[in-house]
Protein backbone atom coordinates (compact mmCIF):
# COMPACT_ATOMS: atom_id res chain seq x y z
CA UNK A 1 -14.80 59.66 35.90
CA UNK A 2 -17.20 58.95 38.76
CA UNK A 3 -15.88 57.69 42.09
CA UNK A 4 -17.47 54.24 41.60
CA UNK A 5 -15.91 53.86 38.16
CA UNK A 6 -12.51 55.01 39.47
CA UNK A 7 -12.70 52.56 42.36
CA UNK A 8 -13.72 49.75 39.99
CA UNK A 9 -10.80 50.56 37.67
CA UNK A 10 -8.31 50.57 40.56
CA UNK A 11 -9.66 47.32 42.01
CA UNK A 12 -9.62 45.66 38.62
CA UNK A 13 -5.98 46.72 38.08
CA UNK A 14 -5.01 45.43 41.54
CA UNK A 15 -6.88 42.17 40.95
CA UNK A 16 -5.25 41.62 37.56
CA UNK A 17 -1.82 42.41 39.03
CA UNK A 18 -2.40 39.89 41.83
CA UNK A 19 -3.69 37.29 39.38
CA UNK A 20 -0.58 37.74 37.24
CA UNK A 21 1.56 37.23 40.36
CA UNK A 22 -0.33 34.06 41.19
CA UNK A 23 0.20 32.77 37.66
CA UNK A 24 3.95 33.23 38.14
CA UNK A 25 4.08 31.41 41.49
CA UNK A 26 5.46 27.88 41.37
CA UNK A 27 3.69 24.97 43.00
CA UNK A 28 6.99 23.09 43.23
CA UNK A 29 10.40 24.64 43.87
CA UNK A 30 13.77 22.89 43.86
CA UNK A 31 15.96 25.38 45.73
CA UNK A 32 19.67 24.56 45.62
CA UNK A 33 22.28 26.24 47.80
CA UNK A 34 25.69 25.71 46.24
CA UNK A 35 27.50 26.87 49.40
CA UNK A 36 25.86 24.21 51.59
CA UNK A 37 25.45 21.60 48.84
CA UNK A 38 21.80 21.10 49.73
CA UNK A 39 18.44 21.19 47.99
CA UNK A 40 15.14 22.10 49.57
CA UNK A 41 12.08 20.77 47.82
CA UNK A 42 9.21 23.17 48.45
CA UNK A 43 5.69 22.04 47.57
CA UNK A 44 2.88 24.59 47.91
CA UNK A 45 5.15 26.78 50.06
CA UNK A 46 6.12 24.02 52.51
CA UNK A 47 9.58 22.41 52.67
CA UNK A 48 8.92 18.70 52.21
CA UNK A 49 12.51 17.47 51.65
CA UNK A 50 16.04 18.64 52.31
CA UNK A 51 18.61 16.60 50.41
CA UNK A 52 22.37 16.64 49.95
CA UNK A 53 23.49 17.40 46.40
CA UNK A 54 26.69 17.71 44.42
CA UNK A 55 27.21 20.72 42.19
CA UNK A 56 30.20 21.84 40.10
CA UNK A 57 33.66 20.75 41.16
CA UNK A 58 36.76 22.92 40.70
CA UNK A 59 37.08 24.16 37.13
CA UNK A 60 33.34 23.98 36.34
CA UNK A 61 30.31 26.10 37.21
CA UNK A 62 26.76 25.59 38.36
CA UNK A 63 24.93 28.73 37.17
CA UNK A 64 23.04 30.81 39.73
CA UNK A 65 19.51 31.91 38.85
CA UNK A 66 15.92 30.85 38.53
CA UNK A 67 14.43 28.76 35.72
CA UNK A 68 11.42 26.70 34.72
CA UNK A 69 12.29 23.18 33.53
CA UNK A 70 12.72 22.98 29.75
CA UNK A 71 12.54 19.21 29.34
CA UNK A 72 12.46 16.03 31.41
CA UNK A 73 13.75 12.51 30.71
CA UNK A 74 13.35 9.42 32.86
CA UNK A 75 16.79 8.38 31.55
CA UNK A 76 19.26 10.51 29.62
CA UNK A 77 22.82 9.76 28.57
CA UNK A 78 25.30 12.63 28.43
CA UNK A 79 26.70 12.94 24.94
CA UNK A 80 29.26 15.41 26.26
CA UNK A 81 30.60 13.17 29.06
CA UNK A 82 31.07 9.65 27.66
CA UNK A 83 27.38 8.71 27.63
CA UNK A 84 27.23 8.91 31.43
CA UNK A 85 23.76 7.97 32.69
CA UNK A 86 21.60 10.79 34.05
CA UNK A 87 18.49 9.15 35.53
CA UNK A 88 15.43 11.30 36.23
CA UNK A 89 16.84 14.35 34.46
CA UNK A 90 15.12 17.71 34.75
CA UNK A 91 16.87 20.08 32.32
CA UNK A 92 16.49 23.72 33.31
CA UNK A 93 19.25 25.73 31.59
CA UNK A 94 20.69 24.39 28.33
CA UNK A 95 22.67 21.26 29.22
CA UNK A 96 22.35 21.82 32.99
CA UNK A 97 20.04 19.42 34.78
CA UNK A 98 19.05 18.01 38.12
CA UNK A 99 19.54 14.25 37.93
CA UNK A 100 20.27 11.12 39.90
CA UNK A 101 23.73 9.70 40.53
CA UNK A 102 25.25 6.51 41.85
CA UNK A 103 28.18 8.50 43.27
CA UNK A 104 26.29 9.00 46.54
CA UNK A 105 29.48 9.14 48.62
CA UNK A 106 30.24 12.49 46.92
CA UNK A 107 26.86 14.05 47.77
CA UNK A 108 27.30 17.04 50.04
CA UNK A 109 30.45 18.18 48.23
CA UNK A 110 31.19 19.61 44.76
CA UNK A 111 31.71 16.76 42.29
CA UNK A 112 29.90 17.42 38.99
CA UNK A 113 30.61 19.15 35.70
CA UNK A 114 27.90 21.67 36.63
CA UNK A 115 24.73 19.64 36.93
CA UNK A 116 22.98 19.16 40.23
CA UNK A 117 23.33 15.55 41.32
CA UNK A 118 20.97 13.83 43.75
CA UNK A 119 20.68 10.35 45.19
CA UNK A 120 18.79 8.51 42.43
CA UNK A 121 15.86 7.67 44.74
CA UNK A 122 15.51 11.37 45.59
CA UNK A 123 15.78 12.33 41.92
CA UNK A 124 12.95 9.88 41.18
CA UNK A 125 10.78 11.53 43.86
CA UNK A 126 11.48 15.02 42.49
CA UNK A 127 10.84 13.83 38.93
CA UNK A 128 7.47 12.32 39.95
CA UNK A 129 6.46 15.56 41.71
CA UNK A 130 7.48 17.60 38.66
CA UNK A 131 5.37 15.34 36.42
CA UNK A 132 2.45 15.61 38.84
CA UNK A 133 2.39 19.43 38.94
CA UNK A 134 3.68 19.92 35.38
CA UNK A 135 7.04 21.50 34.50
CA UNK A 136 5.36 24.89 33.98
CA UNK A 137 4.42 24.88 37.66
CA UNK A 138 7.96 24.16 38.85
CA UNK A 139 10.96 26.40 39.42
CA UNK A 140 14.61 25.53 39.86
CA UNK A 141 16.39 28.16 41.95
CA UNK A 142 20.15 28.00 42.42
CA UNK A 143 21.74 30.29 45.01
CA UNK A 144 24.82 30.52 47.15
CA UNK A 145 24.57 31.74 50.74
CA UNK A 146 28.17 32.97 50.72
CA UNK A 147 27.67 35.37 47.83
CA UNK A 148 30.89 34.05 46.28
CA UNK A 149 31.26 33.38 42.59
CA UNK A 150 30.40 29.83 41.67
CA UNK A 151 33.57 29.07 39.76
CA UNK A 152 35.33 26.44 41.85
């Protein structure tokens, strides 16, 4: 193989690898830290909001990981928990969702059955951003800065 052809093959492989990485990058990220009970909303790499959240209370879990939203509903009612309203739901892992809550006094401390609760106005903002960029361009990342297990 000539030097030019070898160089072209290497550059094409590098370019395709970079392009694949770009395709995987999310335009919108909802990054939740269970330890601090906060969510950073990152849009095009810039933190545009930091909000208090409520995640799983004692006896329940909020799974740690990274997901793309699976489905979104402006209003959902939990069949599992007495038809509780879940406004601006963004489902990311089975029955786990980010959604609004009226229990704003509990935000900043664990209070849910595992979902990530936000002030409803904040949930509406996140929902609108997710619709704008498309769920395929969003990631939900749940971490814990303490490294502890998330079973409360």
